[in-house]
């Protein structure tokens, strides 16, 4: 056997490497396509000082979601009157829900008992359609405390708006450098 011959093991290794490269490139292109899709506001509800916004194609990262809020908070106020503020001195909250697989019909089949794969649903009773529930998947909560400080809540922690209008990581659920929204 001379050095130019390809053994079956070397051939399989080359095929595996090529397959891995193609797979990684495909995932990269898919991710880029998702990043280029604009965020779609699928549903909005405001009641008193609490608002719910169901969003499709919300940014994956906390920093992306915070940037989206900064870029779109004025649009939300103008188009949807969100945050729902009865009095500017009062606290309010805006919950952003991931659209996921879309709206679903609620059915209590009892299948959630001891089922680790059960997805809890969050339903909007003001929707007249039978499909008025989404998977309970909160992307971000933006809230104003009664003292006027703005907080951004994520599964992994909290951020707040400082006096310079910058979003900073909060220590627990306190933000001594926070500023009033209005």
N, C-alpha and C. Protein backbone atom coordinates (compact mmCIF):
# COMPACT_ATOMS: atom_id res chain seq x y z
N UNK A 1 0.84 -1.16 0.00
CA UNK A 1 0.00 0.00 0.00
C UNK A 1 0.89 1.24 0.00
N UNK A 2 0.70 2.12 -0.98
CA UNK A 2 1.53 3.34 -0.99
C UNK A 2 0.84 4.45 -0.19
N UNK A 3 1.51 5.56 0.06
CA UNK A 3 1.01 6.64 0.91
C UNK A 3 -0.14 7.42 0.31
N UNK A 4 -0.42 7.24 -1.00
CA UNK A 4 -1.49 8.00 -1.64
C UNK A 4 -2.86 7.33 -1.53
N UNK A 5 -2.88 6.10 -1.10
CA UNK A 5 -4.15 5.39 -1.00
C UNK A 5 -4.92 5.84 0.24
N UNK A 6 -6.23 5.92 0.11
CA UNK A 6 -7.10 6.34 1.21
C UNK A 6 -7.69 5.09 1.84
N UNK A 7 -7.44 4.94 3.12
CA UNK A 7 -7.99 3.79 3.82
C UNK A 7 -9.46 4.07 4.13
N UNK A 8 -10.25 3.02 4.35
CA UNK A 8 -11.67 3.23 4.66
C UNK A 8 -11.87 4.13 5.89
N UNK A 9 -11.01 4.03 6.88
CA UNK A 9 -11.14 4.85 8.08
C UNK A 9 -10.88 6.33 7.77
N UNK A 10 -9.85 6.60 6.96
CA UNK A 10 -9.55 7.99 6.58
C UNK A 10 -10.69 8.56 5.74
N UNK A 11 -11.25 7.74 4.88
CA UNK A 11 -12.37 8.19 4.05
C UNK A 11 -13.59 8.55 4.91
N UNK A 12 -13.90 7.70 5.89
CA UNK A 12 -15.02 7.96 6.78
C UNK A 12 -14.79 9.23 7.60
N UNK A 13 -13.55 9.44 8.01
CA UNK A 13 -13.22 10.63 8.77
C UNK A 13 -13.39 11.89 7.93
N UNK A 14 -12.95 11.84 6.67
CA UNK A 14 -13.10 12.99 5.77
C UNK A 14 -14.59 13.28 5.52
N UNK A 15 -15.38 12.25 5.31
CA UNK A 15 -16.81 12.41 5.08
C UNK A 15 -17.47 13.02 6.33
N UNK A 16 -17.08 12.55 7.50
CA UNK A 16 -17.65 13.07 8.75
C UNK A 16 -17.30 14.55 8.94
N UNK A 17 -16.07 14.92 8.63
CA UNK A 17 -15.65 16.32 8.76
C UNK A 17 -16.42 17.20 7.79
N UNK A 18 -16.57 16.77 6.56
CA UNK A 18 -17.32 17.53 5.56
C UNK A 18 -18.78 17.67 6.01
N UNK A 19 -19.36 16.60 6.51
CA UNK A 19 -20.73 16.64 7.00
C UNK A 19 -20.88 17.63 8.16
N UNK A 20 -19.92 17.63 9.09
CA UNK A 20 -19.98 18.55 10.22
C UNK A 20 -19.87 20.00 9.75
N UNK A 21 -19.02 20.27 8.79
CA UNK A 21 -18.85 21.63 8.27
C UNK A 21 -20.13 22.09 7.59
N UNK A 22 -20.73 21.23 6.79
CA UNK A 22 -21.99 21.58 6.10
C UNK A 22 -23.09 21.83 7.13
N UNK A 23 -23.17 21.00 8.15
CA UNK A 23 -24.18 21.17 9.20
C UNK A 23 -23.99 22.49 9.93
N UNK A 24 -22.76 22.81 10.30
CA UNK A 24 -22.49 24.07 11.00
C UNK A 24 -22.81 25.28 10.13
N UNK A 25 -22.46 25.22 8.87
CA UNK A 25 -22.78 26.32 7.96
C UNK A 25 -24.29 26.49 7.79
N UNK A 26 -25.00 25.39 7.70
CA UNK A 26 -26.45 25.43 7.57
C UNK A 26 -27.07 26.08 8.82
N UNK A 27 -26.62 25.68 10.00
CA UNK A 27 -27.12 26.27 11.24
C UNK A 27 -26.79 27.76 11.32
N UNK A 28 -25.62 28.14 10.87
CA UNK A 28 -25.23 29.55 10.87
C UNK A 28 -26.13 30.37 9.94
N UNK A 29 -26.38 29.86 8.76
CA UNK A 29 -27.27 30.56 7.81
C UNK A 29 -28.68 30.66 8.38
N UNK A 30 -29.17 29.58 8.97
CA UNK A 30 -30.50 29.58 9.58
C UNK A 30 -30.59 30.64 10.68
N UNK A 31 -29.57 30.70 11.53
CA UNK A 31 -29.53 31.66 12.63
C UNK A 31 -29.50 33.10 12.10
N UNK A 32 -28.73 33.33 11.04
CA UNK A 32 -28.67 34.66 10.43
C UNK A 32 -30.01 35.07 9.83
N UNK A 33 -30.70 34.13 9.21
CA UNK A 33 -32.02 34.43 8.64
C UNK A 33 -32.99 34.80 9.76
N UNK A 34 -32.95 34.07 10.89
CA UNK A 34 -33.81 34.39 12.03
C UNK A 34 -33.49 35.76 12.60
N UNK A 35 -32.22 36.10 12.66
CA UNK A 35 -31.82 37.40 13.20
C UNK A 35 -32.27 38.55 12.33
N UNK A 36 -32.39 38.32 11.04
CA UNK A 36 -32.79 39.38 10.12
C UNK A 36 -34.31 39.58 10.08
N UNK A 37 -35.06 38.59 10.54
CA UNK A 37 -36.52 38.74 10.56
C UNK A 37 -36.90 39.76 11.61
N UNK A 38 -37.79 40.67 11.28
CA UNK A 38 -38.19 41.67 12.27
C UNK A 38 -39.07 41.05 13.36
N UNK A 39 -39.07 41.70 14.51
CA UNK A 39 -39.95 41.28 15.60
C UNK A 39 -41.38 41.61 15.19
N UNK A 40 -42.28 40.67 15.38
CA UNK A 40 -43.68 40.86 15.06
C UNK A 40 -44.49 40.89 16.36
N UNK A 41 -45.23 41.96 16.56
CA UNK A 41 -46.13 42.04 17.71
C UNK A 41 -47.43 41.34 17.29
N UNK A 42 -47.67 40.15 17.86
CA UNK A 42 -48.81 39.33 17.44
C UNK A 42 -50.09 39.66 18.20
N UNK A 43 -49.97 40.16 19.42
CA UNK A 43 -51.15 40.44 20.24
C UNK A 43 -50.76 41.40 21.35
N UNK A 44 -51.67 42.29 21.69
CA UNK A 44 -51.45 43.26 22.77
C UNK A 44 -52.71 43.35 23.62
N UNK A 45 -52.51 43.38 24.94
CA UNK A 45 -53.63 43.58 25.87
C UNK A 45 -53.14 44.46 27.01
N UNK A 46 -53.94 45.44 27.36
CA UNK A 46 -53.63 46.31 28.50
C UNK A 46 -54.84 46.35 29.42
N UNK A 47 -54.58 46.16 30.69
CA UNK A 47 -55.63 46.27 31.70
C UNK A 47 -55.04 47.01 32.90
N UNK A 48 -55.62 48.15 33.21
CA UNK A 48 -55.16 48.97 34.31
C UNK A 48 -53.68 49.31 34.09
N UNK A 49 -52.81 48.87 34.98
CA UNK A 49 -51.39 49.20 34.85
C UNK A 49 -50.54 48.00 34.40
N UNK A 50 -51.19 46.99 33.85
CA UNK A 50 -50.48 45.80 33.38
C UNK A 50 -50.77 45.57 31.90
N UNK A 51 -49.73 45.29 31.16
CA UNK A 51 -49.86 45.03 29.72
C UNK A 51 -49.20 43.71 29.38
N UNK A 52 -49.77 43.03 28.39
CA UNK A 52 -49.19 41.81 27.84
C UNK A 52 -48.95 42.03 26.37
N UNK A 53 -47.78 41.65 25.90
CA UNK A 53 -47.45 41.74 24.48
C UNK A 53 -46.91 40.38 24.05
N UNK A 54 -47.57 39.77 23.08
CA UNK A 54 -47.10 38.50 22.52
C UNK A 54 -46.27 38.84 21.29
N UNK A 55 -45.00 38.41 21.31
CA UNK A 55 -44.08 38.76 20.23
C UNK A 55 -43.53 37.52 19.55
N UNK A 56 -43.42 37.61 18.26
CA UNK A 56 -42.82 36.55 17.45
C UNK A 56 -41.46 37.05 16.98
N UNK A 57 -40.49 36.17 17.00
CA UNK A 57 -39.13 36.47 16.55
C UNK A 57 -38.46 37.51 17.45
N UNK A 58 -38.71 37.43 18.75
CA UNK A 58 -38.06 38.31 19.71
C UNK A 58 -36.58 37.94 19.77
N UNK A 59 -35.69 38.89 19.98
CA UNK A 59 -34.25 38.56 20.05
C UNK A 59 -33.98 37.45 21.07
N UNK A 60 -32.95 36.65 20.79
CA UNK A 60 -32.61 35.50 21.65
C UNK A 60 -31.96 35.92 22.96
N UNK A 61 -31.17 36.97 22.91
CA UNK A 61 -30.36 37.34 24.07
C UNK A 61 -31.01 38.45 24.89
N UNK A 62 -30.61 38.54 26.15
CA UNK A 62 -31.09 39.63 27.01
C UNK A 62 -30.67 40.98 26.42
N UNK A 63 -29.43 41.08 25.98
CA UNK A 63 -28.96 42.36 25.41
C UNK A 63 -29.74 42.72 24.16
N UNK A 64 -30.10 41.74 23.35
CA UNK A 64 -30.90 42.00 22.16
C UNK A 64 -32.30 42.47 22.52
N UNK A 65 -32.88 41.88 23.55
CA UNK A 65 -34.22 42.27 24.00
C UNK A 65 -34.21 43.67 24.62
N UNK A 66 -33.16 43.98 25.38
CA UNK A 66 -33.04 45.32 25.96
C UNK A 66 -32.87 46.37 24.86
N UNK A 67 -32.07 46.05 23.85
CA UNK A 67 -31.88 46.97 22.73
C UNK A 67 -33.19 47.17 21.97
N UNK A 68 -33.95 46.09 21.80
CA UNK A 68 -35.24 46.19 21.11
C UNK A 68 -36.17 47.11 21.90
N UNK A 69 -36.20 46.97 23.23
CA UNK A 69 -37.05 47.83 24.05
C UNK A 69 -36.66 49.29 23.86
N UNK A 70 -35.37 49.58 23.95
CA UNK A 70 -34.92 50.98 23.82
C UNK A 70 -35.32 51.56 22.46
N UNK A 71 -35.22 50.74 21.41
CA UNK A 71 -35.54 51.20 20.06
C UNK A 71 -37.04 51.30 19.82
N UNK A 72 -37.86 50.55 20.54
CA UNK A 72 -39.29 50.45 20.23
C UNK A 72 -40.23 50.93 21.32
N UNK A 73 -39.71 51.41 22.45
CA UNK A 73 -40.61 51.83 23.53
C UNK A 73 -41.52 52.99 23.10
N UNK A 74 -41.01 53.90 22.31
CA UNK A 74 -41.83 55.02 21.84
C UNK A 74 -42.94 54.52 20.92
N UNK A 75 -42.61 53.57 20.04
CA UNK A 75 -43.61 52.98 19.15
C UNK A 75 -44.71 52.29 19.95
N UNK A 76 -44.34 51.57 21.00
CA UNK A 76 -45.33 50.89 21.84
C UNK A 76 -46.26 51.89 22.52
N UNK A 77 -45.69 53.00 22.97
CA UNK A 77 -46.51 54.05 23.59
C UNK A 77 -47.47 54.67 22.58
N UNK A 78 -46.96 54.98 21.41
CA UNK A 78 -47.78 55.67 20.40
C UNK A 78 -48.83 54.76 19.77
N UNK A 79 -48.43 53.56 19.42
CA UNK A 79 -49.33 52.66 18.70
C UNK A 79 -50.30 51.90 19.61
N UNK A 80 -49.83 51.50 20.79
CA UNK A 80 -50.63 50.64 21.66
C UNK A 80 -50.93 51.26 23.03
N UNK A 81 -50.47 52.47 23.29
CA UNK A 81 -50.62 53.12 24.61
C UNK A 81 -50.05 52.25 25.72
N UNK A 82 -48.88 51.69 25.45
CA UNK A 82 -48.18 50.84 26.41
C UNK A 82 -46.86 51.49 26.76
N UNK A 83 -46.50 51.57 28.01
CA UNK A 83 -47.16 50.92 29.14
C UNK A 83 -48.49 51.58 29.49
N UNK A 84 -49.41 50.75 29.99
CA UNK A 84 -50.73 51.24 30.38
C UNK A 84 -50.57 52.02 31.68
N UNK A 85 -50.68 53.30 31.57
CA UNK A 85 -50.45 54.15 32.74
C UNK A 85 -51.73 54.90 33.06
N UNK A 86 -52.35 54.55 34.18
CA UNK A 86 -53.54 55.28 34.62
C UNK A 86 -53.12 56.61 35.24
N UNK A 87 -52.08 56.59 36.04
CA UNK A 87 -51.50 57.79 36.64
C UNK A 87 -49.99 57.63 36.58
N UNK A 88 -49.29 58.66 36.20
CA UNK A 88 -47.83 58.54 36.03
C UNK A 88 -47.11 58.19 37.33
N UNK A 89 -47.72 58.45 38.48
CA UNK A 89 -47.06 58.12 39.74
C UNK A 89 -47.17 56.63 40.08
N UNK A 90 -48.02 55.93 39.39
CA UNK A 90 -48.27 54.53 39.74
C UNK A 90 -47.28 53.58 39.09
N UNK A 91 -47.18 52.42 39.68
CA UNK A 91 -46.36 51.36 39.12
C UNK A 91 -47.07 50.75 37.92
N UNK A 92 -46.32 50.17 37.00
CA UNK A 92 -46.89 49.48 35.85
C UNK A 92 -45.95 48.35 35.45
N UNK A 93 -46.45 47.44 34.63
CA UNK A 93 -45.60 46.37 34.10
C UNK A 93 -46.04 45.98 32.70
N UNK A 94 -45.06 45.57 31.91
CA UNK A 94 -45.30 45.08 30.56
C UNK A 94 -44.62 43.72 30.47
N UNK A 95 -45.41 42.69 30.22
CA UNK A 95 -44.87 41.33 30.08
C UNK A 95 -44.82 40.98 28.61
N UNK A 96 -43.64 40.60 28.14
CA UNK A 96 -43.45 40.15 26.76
C UNK A 96 -43.45 38.62 26.77
N UNK A 97 -44.38 38.05 26.01
CA UNK A 97 -44.53 36.59 25.90
C UNK A 97 -43.99 36.14 24.55
N UNK A 98 -43.25 35.04 24.53
CA UNK A 98 -42.81 34.46 23.26
C UNK A 98 -44.00 33.81 22.58
N UNK A 99 -44.16 34.08 21.30
CA UNK A 99 -45.26 33.55 20.50
C UNK A 99 -45.13 32.03 20.34
N UNK A 100 -43.92 31.55 20.23
CA UNK A 100 -43.69 30.11 20.13
C UNK A 100 -44.39 29.48 18.95
N UNK A 101 -45.19 28.48 19.23
CA UNK A 101 -45.93 27.76 18.19
C UNK A 101 -47.27 28.42 17.88
N UNK A 102 -47.53 29.57 18.45
CA UNK A 102 -48.76 30.31 18.17
C UNK A 102 -49.84 30.03 19.19
N UNK A 103 -51.00 30.60 18.92
CA UNK A 103 -52.14 30.45 19.83
C UNK A 103 -52.72 29.05 19.72
N UNK A 104 -53.13 28.52 20.87
CA UNK A 104 -53.65 27.16 20.96
C UNK A 104 -54.97 27.17 21.72
N UNK A 105 -55.71 26.11 21.53
CA UNK A 105 -56.95 25.94 22.27
C UNK A 105 -56.63 25.25 23.59
N UNK A 106 -57.20 25.77 24.65
CA UNK A 106 -56.99 25.16 25.96
C UNK A 106 -57.80 23.89 26.07
N UNK A 107 -57.18 22.86 26.58
CA UNK A 107 -57.91 21.62 26.88
C UNK A 107 -57.26 21.01 28.12
N UNK A 108 -58.06 20.72 29.09
CA UNK A 108 -57.56 20.12 30.32
C UNK A 108 -57.82 18.63 30.23
N UNK A 109 -56.84 17.94 29.71
CA UNK A 109 -56.99 16.49 29.56
C UNK A 109 -56.37 15.74 30.73
N UNK A 110 -55.90 16.49 31.73
CA UNK A 110 -55.30 15.85 32.89
C UNK A 110 -53.94 15.26 32.61
N UNK A 111 -53.43 15.46 31.39
CA UNK A 111 -52.15 14.87 30.99
C UNK A 111 -50.94 15.50 31.63
N UNK A 112 -51.14 16.57 32.40
CA UNK A 112 -50.00 17.26 33.00
C UNK A 112 -49.55 16.64 34.32
N UNK A 113 -50.35 15.77 34.90
CA UNK A 113 -49.98 15.16 36.17
C UNK A 113 -48.74 14.30 36.02
N UNK A 114 -47.69 14.68 36.68
CA UNK A 114 -46.39 13.98 36.66
C UNK A 114 -45.80 13.85 35.26
N UNK A 115 -46.16 14.76 34.38
CA UNK A 115 -45.60 14.75 33.02
C UNK A 115 -44.52 15.83 32.94
N UNK A 116 -43.24 15.44 32.88
CA UNK A 116 -42.17 16.44 32.86
C UNK A 116 -42.14 17.25 31.57
N UNK A 117 -42.83 16.83 30.53
CA UNK A 117 -42.81 17.52 29.25
C UNK A 117 -44.05 18.39 29.05
N UNK A 118 -44.89 18.47 30.07
CA UNK A 118 -46.10 19.27 29.98
C UNK A 118 -45.75 20.75 29.87
N UNK A 119 -46.38 21.45 28.93
CA UNK A 119 -46.19 22.88 28.78
C UNK A 119 -47.43 23.59 29.30
N UNK A 120 -47.22 24.42 30.30
CA UNK A 120 -48.34 25.18 30.85
C UNK A 120 -48.73 26.27 29.86
N UNK A 121 -50.03 26.55 29.79
CA UNK A 121 -50.53 27.56 28.87
C UNK A 121 -50.94 28.82 29.63
N UNK A 122 -50.82 29.95 28.96
CA UNK A 122 -51.30 31.23 29.47
C UNK A 122 -52.38 31.68 28.51
N UNK A 123 -53.58 31.91 29.02
CA UNK A 123 -54.72 32.22 28.16
C UNK A 123 -55.17 33.67 28.31
N UNK A 124 -55.63 34.23 27.21
CA UNK A 124 -56.15 35.58 27.17
C UNK A 124 -57.67 35.47 27.01
N UNK A 125 -58.39 35.70 28.09
CA UNK A 125 -59.84 35.52 28.09
C UNK A 125 -60.57 36.51 27.20
N UNK A 126 -59.94 37.63 26.86
CA UNK A 126 -60.60 38.62 26.03
C UNK A 126 -60.56 38.27 24.54
N UNK A 127 -59.86 37.21 24.16
CA UNK A 127 -59.86 36.75 22.78
C UNK A 127 -61.08 35.86 22.58
N UNK A 128 -61.90 36.18 21.60
CA UNK A 128 -63.16 35.44 21.37
C UNK A 128 -62.92 34.07 20.75
N UNK A 129 -61.84 33.88 20.05
CA UNK A 129 -61.52 32.63 19.37
C UNK A 129 -61.22 31.53 20.39
N UNK A 130 -61.45 30.28 20.00
CA UNK A 130 -61.13 29.14 20.87
C UNK A 130 -59.62 29.02 21.08
N UNK A 131 -58.85 29.45 20.09
CA UNK A 131 -57.39 29.44 20.20
C UNK A 131 -56.96 30.78 20.80
N UNK A 132 -56.89 30.81 22.13
CA UNK A 132 -56.56 32.04 22.82
C UNK A 132 -55.47 31.85 23.87
N UNK A 133 -54.74 30.75 23.78
CA UNK A 133 -53.69 30.45 24.75
C UNK A 133 -52.35 30.27 24.04
N UNK A 134 -51.28 30.61 24.75
CA UNK A 134 -49.93 30.39 24.25
C UNK A 134 -49.15 29.61 25.31
N UNK A 135 -48.04 29.02 24.90
CA UNK A 135 -47.17 28.38 25.88
C UNK A 135 -46.70 29.45 26.85
N UNK A 136 -46.69 29.14 28.12
CA UNK A 136 -46.30 30.11 29.15
C UNK A 136 -44.78 30.25 29.10
N UNK A 137 -44.33 31.23 28.31
CA UNK A 137 -42.91 31.45 28.08
C UNK A 137 -42.65 32.95 28.07
N UNK A 138 -42.29 33.49 29.22
CA UNK A 138 -42.04 34.92 29.36
C UNK A 138 -40.65 35.24 28.82
N UNK A 139 -40.59 36.21 27.92
CA UNK A 139 -39.30 36.64 27.35
C UNK A 139 -38.66 37.74 28.18
N UNK A 140 -39.50 38.66 28.68
CA UNK A 140 -38.98 39.81 29.42
C UNK A 140 -40.14 40.53 30.10
N UNK A 141 -39.88 41.09 31.26
CA UNK A 141 -40.86 41.94 31.92
C UNK A 141 -40.19 43.29 32.15
N UNK A 142 -40.86 44.34 31.71
CA UNK A 142 -40.40 45.70 31.97
C UNK A 142 -41.40 46.30 32.97
N UNK A 143 -40.89 46.85 34.06
CA UNK A 143 -41.79 47.37 35.07
C UNK A 143 -41.26 48.67 35.68
N UNK A 144 -42.21 49.43 36.18
CA UNK A 144 -41.89 50.67 36.89
C UNK A 144 -42.36 50.47 38.32
N UNK A 145 -41.46 50.68 39.27
CA UNK A 145 -41.84 50.53 40.67
C UNK A 145 -42.63 51.75 41.13
N UNK A 146 -43.21 51.65 42.30
CA UNK A 146 -43.98 52.78 42.84
C UNK A 146 -43.07 53.97 43.15
N UNK A 147 -41.77 53.74 43.25
CA UNK A 147 -40.82 54.83 43.46
C UNK A 147 -40.31 55.42 42.15
N UNK A 148 -40.77 54.86 41.02
CA UNK A 148 -40.42 55.41 39.71
C UNK A 148 -39.24 54.76 39.02
N UNK A 149 -38.68 53.72 39.58
CA UNK A 149 -37.52 53.07 38.96
C UNK A 149 -37.98 52.03 37.94
N UNK A 150 -37.26 51.97 36.83
CA UNK A 150 -37.59 51.05 35.74
C UNK A 150 -36.72 49.81 35.87
N UNK A 151 -37.36 48.64 35.86
CA UNK A 151 -36.65 47.36 35.96
C UNK A 151 -36.95 46.50 34.74
N UNK A 152 -35.99 45.67 34.39
CA UNK A 152 -36.11 44.71 33.30
C UNK A 152 -35.82 43.34 33.93
N UNK A 153 -36.82 42.47 33.89
CA UNK A 153 -36.70 41.17 34.55
C UNK A 153 -36.55 40.07 33.51
N UNK A 154 -35.55 39.23 33.73
CA UNK A 154 -35.29 38.06 32.89
C UNK A 154 -35.18 36.84 33.79
N UNK A 155 -35.19 35.69 33.20
CA UNK A 155 -35.06 34.46 33.97
C UNK A 155 -33.75 34.46 34.76
N UNK A 156 -32.71 35.05 34.19
CA UNK A 156 -31.39 35.00 34.81
C UNK A 156 -31.08 36.19 35.72
N UNK A 157 -31.95 37.19 35.77
CA UNK A 157 -31.65 38.32 36.64
C UNK A 157 -32.37 39.59 36.25
N UNK A 158 -31.91 40.70 36.84
CA UNK A 158 -32.57 41.99 36.69
C UNK A 158 -31.60 43.05 36.15
N UNK A 159 -32.18 44.00 35.46
CA UNK A 159 -31.48 45.19 35.01
C UNK A 159 -32.34 46.38 35.41
N UNK A 160 -31.73 47.56 35.40
CA UNK A 160 -32.51 48.77 35.66
C UNK A 160 -31.97 49.91 34.83
N UNK A 161 -32.76 50.97 34.77
CA UNK A 161 -32.39 52.17 34.03
C UNK A 161 -31.73 53.12 35.02
N UNK A 162 -30.49 53.56 34.73
CA UNK A 162 -29.82 54.48 35.65
C UNK A 162 -30.17 55.93 35.30
N UNK A 163 -29.63 56.85 36.06
CA UNK A 163 -29.97 58.27 35.89
C UNK A 163 -29.49 58.83 34.56
N UNK A 164 -28.57 58.15 33.89
CA UNK A 164 -28.09 58.59 32.57
C UNK A 164 -28.90 57.97 31.43
N UNK A 165 -29.91 57.18 31.77
CA UNK A 165 -30.71 56.52 30.75
C UNK A 165 -30.08 55.25 30.22
N UNK A 166 -29.05 54.75 30.90
CA UNK A 166 -28.38 53.51 30.50
C UNK A 166 -28.99 52.34 31.26
N UNK A 167 -29.04 51.20 30.61
CA UNK A 167 -29.54 49.99 31.26
C UNK A 167 -28.35 49.29 31.89
N UNK A 168 -28.44 49.07 33.20
CA UNK A 168 -27.34 48.44 33.94
C UNK A 168 -27.84 47.22 34.69
N UNK A 169 -26.93 46.30 35.00
CA UNK A 169 -27.26 45.11 35.79
C UNK A 169 -27.59 45.54 37.21
N UNK A 170 -28.72 45.08 37.73
CA UNK A 170 -29.15 45.43 39.09
C UNK A 170 -28.61 44.41 40.08
N UNK A 171 -28.45 44.84 41.30
CA UNK A 171 -28.05 43.96 42.38
C UNK A 171 -29.32 43.43 43.03
N UNK A 172 -29.65 42.18 42.74
CA UNK A 172 -30.92 41.65 43.23
C UNK A 172 -32.05 42.40 42.57
N UNK A 173 -33.00 42.85 43.37
CA UNK A 173 -34.10 43.63 42.81
C UNK A 173 -34.04 45.04 43.39
N UNK A 174 -32.83 45.60 43.41
CA UNK A 174 -32.69 46.99 43.83
C UNK A 174 -31.78 47.70 42.85
N UNK A 175 -32.05 48.97 42.69
CA UNK A 175 -31.28 49.77 41.75
C UNK A 175 -31.19 51.18 42.31
N UNK A 176 -30.15 51.41 43.08
CA UNK A 176 -30.01 52.71 43.72
C UNK A 176 -29.78 53.82 42.70
N UNK A 177 -29.28 53.47 41.52
CA UNK A 177 -29.01 54.49 40.50
C UNK A 177 -30.19 54.68 39.55
N UNK A 178 -31.34 54.06 39.86
CA UNK A 178 -32.48 54.13 38.96
C UNK A 178 -33.06 55.52 38.82
N UNK A 179 -33.77 55.75 37.71
CA UNK A 179 -34.40 57.05 37.51
C UNK A 179 -35.86 56.86 37.19
N UNK A 180 -36.61 57.93 37.32
CA UNK A 180 -38.03 57.88 37.03
C UNK A 180 -38.27 57.80 35.52
N UNK A 181 -39.36 57.14 35.16
CA UNK A 181 -39.69 56.94 33.74
C UNK A 181 -40.12 58.23 33.09
N UNK A 182 -40.89 59.03 33.74
CA UNK A 182 -41.41 60.26 33.15
C UNK A 182 -40.71 61.46 33.72
